Amino acid sequence: MKIDDKDVAILKHLLVDAKQSARQLSQRFGISTVTMISRLKKLEANKIILGYSVRLDHESLGYDITGIIEIKTKQGKMLEIENEIAKQDNVIAVYDITGDADTIVIAKFKDRKSLCFCKEIIYNPQC
């Protein structure tokens, strides 16, 4: 699929606010609502837009602490460990990285005590 400048602009607007309607976007770009719906459906059909999501204010929900955790894994166990960690409610993202660690986990916590969830998942003597 070839993406033009208007598609890129639409995607940028959706990244800021995915709740915008096709009508709102069409008014912003000066095109018809039918044309905008067609463009959005094309982007969805070609898997450029994979879905729409919500960004949360974690602090308003009581999750004041963001943990960024490096993990070293045993050879051949990285995907298995990442999949288990990703199942945890506090986990926001799991990334493969290069360097001394194999994985970075980003998670949200209500307090420092809950930050030590790693006792159950990852052996870390500091927890």
N, C-alpha and C. Protein backbone atom coordinates (compact mmCIF):
# COMPACT_ATOMS: atom_id res chain seq x y z
N MET A 1 0.85 -1.19 0.00
CA MET A 1 0.00 0.00 0.00
C MET A 1 0.89 1.24 0.00
N LYS A 2 0.55 2.18 -0.82
CA LYS A 2 1.28 3.44 -0.87
C LYS A 2 0.55 4.44 0.03
N ILE A 3 1.31 5.05 0.92
CA ILE A 3 0.75 6.05 1.85
C ILE A 3 1.16 7.43 1.36
N ASP A 4 0.17 8.31 1.23
CA ASP A 4 0.49 9.68 0.79
C ASP A 4 0.60 10.61 2.01
N ASP A 5 0.91 11.87 1.74
CA ASP A 5 1.10 12.85 2.82
C ASP A 5 -0.16 13.04 3.65
N LYS A 6 -1.32 12.97 3.02
CA LYS A 6 -2.59 13.13 3.75
C LYS A 6 -2.80 11.97 4.72
N ASP A 7 -2.45 10.73 4.28
CA ASP A 7 -2.55 9.57 5.17
C ASP A 7 -1.64 9.75 6.39
N VAL A 8 -0.44 10.22 6.16
CA VAL A 8 0.51 10.45 7.25
C VAL A 8 -0.05 11.49 8.22
N ALA A 9 -0.62 12.55 7.69
CA ALA A 9 -1.20 13.59 8.54
C ALA A 9 -2.38 13.04 9.36
N ILE A 10 -3.20 12.22 8.72
CA ILE A 10 -4.34 11.60 9.43
C ILE A 10 -3.82 10.73 10.57
N LEU A 11 -2.82 9.92 10.29
CA LEU A 11 -2.24 9.05 11.31
C LEU A 11 -1.68 9.86 12.48
N LYS A 12 -1.03 10.97 12.19
CA LYS A 12 -0.50 11.83 13.26
C LYS A 12 -1.62 12.37 14.13
N HIS A 13 -2.72 12.78 13.52
CA HIS A 13 -3.86 13.28 14.30
C HIS A 13 -4.46 12.17 15.16
N LEU A 14 -4.53 10.96 14.62
CA LEU A 14 -5.08 9.85 15.38
C LEU A 14 -4.17 9.44 16.54
N LEU A 15 -2.86 9.61 16.38
CA LEU A 15 -1.95 9.32 17.48
C LEU A 15 -2.17 10.25 18.66
N VAL A 16 -2.54 11.48 18.37
CA VAL A 16 -2.81 12.46 19.43
C VAL A 16 -4.17 12.19 20.06
N ASP A 17 -5.16 11.86 19.24
CA ASP A 17 -6.51 11.62 19.75
C ASP A 17 -7.22 10.63 18.83
N ALA A 18 -7.18 9.36 19.21
CA ALA A 18 -7.78 8.30 18.39
C ALA A 18 -9.30 8.31 18.46
N LYS A 19 -9.85 9.15 19.32
CA LYS A 19 -11.30 9.20 19.48
C LYS A 19 -11.97 10.12 18.46
N GLN A 20 -11.17 10.81 17.66
CA GLN A 20 -11.73 11.71 16.65
C GLN A 20 -12.59 10.91 15.67
N SER A 21 -13.72 11.46 15.34
CA SER A 21 -14.60 10.79 14.37
C SER A 21 -14.12 11.08 12.95
N ALA A 22 -14.60 10.27 12.03
CA ALA A 22 -14.28 10.50 10.62
C ALA A 22 -14.80 11.87 10.19
N ARG A 23 -15.93 12.28 10.74
CA ARG A 23 -16.48 13.59 10.40
C ARG A 23 -15.56 14.71 10.89
N GLN A 24 -15.07 14.58 12.12
CA GLN A 24 -14.15 15.60 12.64
C GLN A 24 -12.87 15.66 11.82
N LEU A 25 -12.34 14.50 11.49
CA LEU A 25 -11.12 14.47 10.68
C LEU A 25 -11.37 15.04 9.29
N SER A 26 -12.51 14.71 8.69
CA SER A 26 -12.80 15.22 7.35
C SER A 26 -12.90 16.74 7.35
N GLN A 27 -13.50 17.31 8.39
CA GLN A 27 -13.58 18.78 8.49
C GLN A 27 -12.19 19.39 8.65
N ARG A 28 -11.36 18.74 9.44
CA ARG A 28 -10.00 19.25 9.67
C ARG A 28 -9.18 19.25 8.39
N PHE A 29 -9.39 18.23 7.55
CA PHE A 29 -8.59 18.09 6.33
C PHE A 29 -9.28 18.61 5.08
N GLY A 30 -10.52 19.08 5.23
CA GLY A 30 -11.22 19.65 4.08
C GLY A 30 -11.59 18.64 3.02
N ILE A 31 -11.92 17.43 3.46
CA ILE A 31 -12.37 16.41 2.52
C ILE A 31 -13.73 15.88 3.01
N SER A 32 -14.42 15.15 2.16
CA SER A 32 -15.73 14.64 2.55
C SER A 32 -15.59 13.53 3.60
N THR A 33 -16.65 13.35 4.38
CA THR A 33 -16.66 12.30 5.40
C THR A 33 -16.53 10.92 4.75
N VAL A 34 -17.19 10.73 3.62
CA VAL A 34 -17.11 9.45 2.90
C VAL A 34 -15.67 9.16 2.48
N THR A 35 -14.98 10.18 1.98
CA THR A 35 -13.57 10.02 1.58
C THR A 35 -12.72 9.67 2.79
N MET A 36 -12.97 10.34 3.93
CA MET A 36 -12.20 10.06 5.15
C MET A 36 -12.45 8.63 5.62
N ILE A 37 -13.69 8.20 5.62
CA ILE A 37 -14.02 6.83 6.03
C ILE A 37 -13.30 5.84 5.11
N SER A 38 -13.28 6.13 3.82
CA SER A 38 -12.60 5.27 2.86
C SER A 38 -11.11 5.18 3.17
N ARG A 39 -10.50 6.32 3.46
CA ARG A 39 -9.07 6.33 3.79
C ARG A 39 -8.79 5.52 5.07
N LEU A 40 -9.62 5.72 6.09
CA LEU A 40 -9.43 5.00 7.35
C LEU A 40 -9.60 3.50 7.15
N LYS A 41 -10.61 3.09 6.41
CA LYS A 41 -10.83 1.67 6.14
C LYS A 41 -9.66 1.06 5.37
N LYS A 42 -9.10 1.84 4.43
CA LYS A 42 -7.95 1.37 3.66
C LYS A 42 -6.74 1.18 4.59
N LEU A 43 -6.53 2.12 5.49
CA LEU A 43 -5.42 2.02 6.44
C LEU A 43 -5.61 0.83 7.39
N GLU A 44 -6.84 0.57 7.78
CA GLU A 44 -7.14 -0.57 8.64
C GLU A 44 -6.97 -1.89 7.88
N ALA A 45 -7.49 -1.95 6.67
CA ALA A 45 -7.43 -3.17 5.85
C ALA A 45 -5.98 -3.56 5.54
N ASN A 46 -5.14 -2.56 5.39
CA ASN A 46 -3.73 -2.82 5.08
C ASN A 46 -2.86 -2.91 6.33
N LYS A 47 -3.50 -3.02 7.48
CA LYS A 47 -2.83 -3.22 8.76
C LYS A 47 -1.86 -2.10 9.12
N ILE A 48 -2.12 -0.90 8.61
CA ILE A 48 -1.37 0.29 9.04
C ILE A 48 -1.95 0.72 10.38
N ILE A 49 -3.27 0.77 10.47
CA ILE A 49 -3.95 1.00 11.74
C ILE A 49 -4.36 -0.38 12.25
N LEU A 50 -3.79 -0.78 13.39
CA LEU A 50 -4.06 -2.10 13.95
C LEU A 50 -5.20 -2.08 14.95
N GLY A 51 -5.55 -0.90 15.43
CA GLY A 51 -6.61 -0.78 16.41
C GLY A 51 -6.56 0.60 17.03
N TYR A 52 -7.43 0.83 17.97
CA TYR A 52 -7.52 2.11 18.65
C TYR A 52 -7.42 1.83 20.14
N SER A 53 -6.76 2.70 20.88
CA SER A 53 -6.57 2.42 22.30
C SER A 53 -6.77 3.66 23.15
N VAL A 54 -6.69 3.44 24.44
CA VAL A 54 -6.87 4.50 25.43
C VAL A 54 -5.56 4.72 26.15
N ARG A 55 -5.19 5.96 26.38
CA ARG A 55 -4.05 6.28 27.24
C ARG A 55 -4.59 6.64 28.60
N LEU A 56 -4.04 6.03 29.63
CA LEU A 56 -4.52 6.25 30.98
C LEU A 56 -3.61 7.21 31.74
N ASP A 57 -4.20 7.94 32.67
CA ASP A 57 -3.43 8.72 33.63
C ASP A 57 -3.24 7.81 34.84
N HIS A 58 -2.13 7.09 34.85
CA HIS A 58 -1.88 6.09 35.90
C HIS A 58 -1.85 6.70 37.29
N GLU A 59 -1.34 7.91 37.41
CA GLU A 59 -1.29 8.54 38.73
C GLU A 59 -2.68 8.77 39.30
N SER A 60 -3.65 9.12 38.46
CA SER A 60 -5.02 9.30 38.94
C SER A 60 -5.61 8.00 39.45
N LEU A 61 -5.08 6.88 38.96
CA LEU A 61 -5.53 5.56 39.41
C LEU A 61 -4.73 5.04 40.59
N GLY A 62 -3.78 5.86 41.06
CA GLY A 62 -2.99 5.47 42.23
C GLY A 62 -1.68 4.79 41.92
N TYR A 63 -1.31 4.70 40.64
CA TYR A 63 -0.05 4.08 40.26
C TYR A 63 1.00 5.17 40.07
N ASP A 64 1.63 5.55 41.18
CA ASP A 64 2.56 6.68 41.19
C ASP A 64 3.99 6.32 40.79
N ILE A 65 4.33 5.05 40.82
CA ILE A 65 5.71 4.64 40.57
C ILE A 65 5.81 3.90 39.24
N THR A 66 6.78 4.32 38.42
CA THR A 66 7.09 3.60 37.18
C THR A 66 8.38 2.85 37.41
N GLY A 67 8.35 1.55 37.20
CA GLY A 67 9.55 0.73 37.32
C GLY A 67 10.08 0.38 35.95
N ILE A 68 11.37 0.59 35.76
CA ILE A 68 12.05 0.18 34.54
C ILE A 68 13.07 -0.87 34.98
N ILE A 69 12.83 -2.11 34.59
CA ILE A 69 13.56 -3.25 35.14
C ILE A 69 14.32 -3.95 34.02
N GLU A 70 15.63 -4.12 34.23
CA GLU A 70 16.46 -4.87 33.29
C GLU A 70 16.49 -6.32 33.73
N ILE A 71 16.43 -7.22 32.76
CA ILE A 71 16.45 -8.64 33.08
C ILE A 71 17.49 -9.34 32.21
N LYS A 72 18.29 -10.19 32.85
CA LYS A 72 19.19 -11.08 32.13
C LYS A 72 18.56 -12.46 32.19
N THR A 73 18.51 -13.14 31.05
CA THR A 73 17.87 -14.45 31.01
C THR A 73 18.88 -15.53 30.65
N LYS A 74 18.49 -16.76 30.96
CA LYS A 74 19.30 -17.90 30.54
C LYS A 74 19.10 -18.08 29.04
N GLN A 75 20.13 -18.59 28.40
CA GLN A 75 20.06 -18.79 26.95
C GLN A 75 18.87 -19.67 26.59
N GLY A 76 18.09 -19.21 25.61
CA GLY A 76 16.95 -19.96 25.14
C GLY A 76 15.68 -19.78 25.94
N LYS A 77 15.72 -18.99 27.01
CA LYS A 77 14.56 -18.81 27.88
C LYS A 77 13.92 -17.43 27.76
N MET A 78 14.51 -16.55 26.95
CA MET A 78 14.07 -15.16 26.92
C MET A 78 12.59 -15.01 26.57
N LEU A 79 12.13 -15.62 25.49
CA LEU A 79 10.73 -15.47 25.08
C LEU A 79 9.78 -16.03 26.12
N GLU A 80 10.12 -17.17 26.68
CA GLU A 80 9.29 -17.78 27.72
C GLU A 80 9.16 -16.84 28.92
N ILE A 81 10.28 -16.28 29.36
CA ILE A 81 10.27 -15.37 30.51
C ILE A 81 9.51 -14.10 30.17
N GLU A 82 9.75 -13.53 28.98
CA GLU A 82 9.04 -12.31 28.59
C GLU A 82 7.53 -12.54 28.54
N ASN A 83 7.11 -13.67 28.01
CA ASN A 83 5.67 -13.96 27.94
C ASN A 83 5.04 -14.07 29.32
N GLU A 84 5.75 -14.66 30.27
CA GLU A 84 5.23 -14.76 31.64
C GLU A 84 5.15 -13.39 32.30
N ILE A 85 6.18 -12.59 32.13
CA ILE A 85 6.21 -11.25 32.72
C ILE A 85 5.10 -10.39 32.12
N ALA A 86 4.88 -10.49 30.82
CA ALA A 86 3.87 -9.67 30.14
C ALA A 86 2.46 -9.95 30.65
N LYS A 87 2.23 -11.10 31.27
CA LYS A 87 0.92 -11.45 31.81
C LYS A 87 0.59 -10.70 33.10
N GLN A 88 1.59 -10.13 33.75
CA GLN A 88 1.38 -9.45 35.02
C GLN A 88 0.60 -8.15 34.81
N ASP A 89 -0.35 -7.88 35.70
CA ASP A 89 -1.21 -6.71 35.57
C ASP A 89 -0.45 -5.39 35.56
N ASN A 90 0.63 -5.30 36.30
CA ASN A 90 1.37 -4.04 36.42
C ASN A 90 2.21 -3.72 35.19
N VAL A 91 2.45 -4.70 34.36
CA VAL A 91 3.39 -4.55 33.24
C VAL A 91 2.74 -3.77 32.10
N ILE A 92 3.42 -2.72 31.67
CA ILE A 92 2.97 -1.88 30.56
C ILE A 92 3.61 -2.33 29.25
N ALA A 93 4.92 -2.69 29.31
CA ALA A 93 5.64 -3.06 28.09
C ALA A 93 6.81 -3.97 28.43
N VAL A 94 7.16 -4.83 27.47
CA VAL A 94 8.32 -5.70 27.58
C VAL A 94 9.08 -5.58 26.26
N TYR A 95 10.38 -5.24 26.36
CA TYR A 95 11.18 -5.02 25.15
C TYR A 95 12.43 -5.89 25.16
N ASP A 96 12.79 -6.42 24.00
CA ASP A 96 14.09 -7.06 23.81
C ASP A 96 15.10 -5.93 23.62
N ILE A 97 16.27 -6.09 24.26
CA ILE A 97 17.31 -5.08 24.09
C ILE A 97 18.65 -5.77 23.87
N THR A 98 19.64 -4.98 23.50
CA THR A 98 21.00 -5.49 23.38
C THR A 98 21.82 -4.87 24.50
N GLY A 99 22.95 -5.48 24.78
CA GLY A 99 23.81 -4.99 25.85
C GLY A 99 23.90 -6.01 26.96
N ASP A 100 24.14 -5.54 28.19
CA ASP A 100 24.32 -6.45 29.33
C ASP A 100 23.03 -7.19 29.68
N ALA A 101 21.90 -6.53 29.54
CA ALA A 101 20.61 -7.17 29.84
C ALA A 101 19.98 -7.66 28.54
N ASP A 102 18.99 -8.55 28.68
CA ASP A 102 18.30 -9.09 27.51
C ASP A 102 16.94 -8.43 27.28
N THR A 103 16.34 -7.98 28.37
CA THR A 103 14.96 -7.50 28.34
C THR A 103 14.82 -6.29 29.25
N ILE A 104 13.95 -5.37 28.84
CA ILE A 104 13.55 -4.25 29.69
C ILE A 104 12.05 -4.39 29.91
N VAL A 105 11.64 -4.24 31.17
CA VAL A 105 10.23 -4.28 31.52
C VAL A 105 9.86 -2.91 32.07
N ILE A 106 8.75 -2.36 31.59
CA ILE A 106 8.22 -1.11 32.14
C ILE A 106 6.90 -1.46 32.81
N ALA A 107 6.81 -1.09 34.08
CA ALA A 107 5.62 -1.46 34.85
C ALA A 107 5.23 -0.30 35.77
N LYS A 108 3.98 -0.26 36.19
CA LYS A 108 3.44 0.77 37.07
C LYS A 108 3.07 0.13 38.41
N PHE A 109 3.33 0.87 39.50
CA PHE A 109 3.08 0.37 40.84
C PHE A 109 2.45 1.43 41.71
N LYS A 110 1.64 0.99 42.67
CA LYS A 110 0.99 1.92 43.60
C LYS A 110 1.95 2.37 44.69
N ASP A 111 2.89 1.51 45.06
CA ASP A 111 3.83 1.86 46.13
C ASP A 111 5.10 1.04 45.96
N ARG A 112 6.12 1.37 46.76
CA ARG A 112 7.41 0.67 46.65
C ARG A 112 7.30 -0.80 47.02
N LYS A 113 6.42 -1.12 47.94
CA LYS A 113 6.24 -2.51 48.35
C LYS A 113 5.78 -3.36 47.17
N SER A 114 4.83 -2.85 46.41
CA SER A 114 4.33 -3.62 45.26
C SER A 114 5.35 -3.67 44.13
N LEU A 115 6.31 -2.76 44.15
CA LEU A 115 7.39 -2.78 43.15
C LEU A 115 8.18 -4.08 43.24
N CYS A 116 8.24 -4.65 44.39
CA CYS A 116 9.02 -5.87 44.59
C CYS A 116 8.26 -7.12 44.15
N PHE A 117 7.35 -6.94 43.20
CA PHE A 117 6.67 -8.10 42.61
C PHE A 117 7.70 -9.05 42.00
N CYS A 118 8.90 -8.51 41.76
CA CYS A 118 9.93 -9.30 41.10
C CYS A 118 10.35 -10.51 41.95
N LYS A 119 10.04 -10.54 43.24
CA LYS A 119 10.34 -11.72 44.05
C LYS A 119 9.67 -12.95 43.48
N GLU A 120 8.45 -12.76 42.98
CA GLU A 120 7.70 -13.89 42.46
C GLU A 120 8.06 -14.22 41.02
N ILE A 121 8.56 -13.26 40.29
CA ILE A 121 8.79 -13.47 38.86
C ILE A 121 10.27 -13.60 38.53
N ILE A 122 11.06 -12.71 39.12
CA ILE A 122 12.48 -12.61 38.78
C ILE A 122 13.26 -12.67 40.07
N TYR A 123 14.30 -13.46 40.12
CA TYR A 123 15.13 -13.47 41.32
C TYR A 123 15.98 -12.22 41.32
N ASN A 124 15.77 -11.40 42.35
CA ASN A 124 16.51 -10.16 42.52
C ASN A 124 16.76 -10.01 44.01
N PRO A 125 18.00 -10.19 44.47
CA PRO A 125 18.28 -10.16 45.90
C PRO A 125 17.94 -8.83 46.57
N GLN A 126 17.79 -7.75 45.80
CA GLN A 126 17.49 -6.46 46.40
C GLN A 126 16.02 -6.31 46.76
N CYS A 127 15.17 -7.18 46.28
CA CYS A 127 13.73 -7.08 46.59
C CYS A 127 13.44 -7.74 47.92
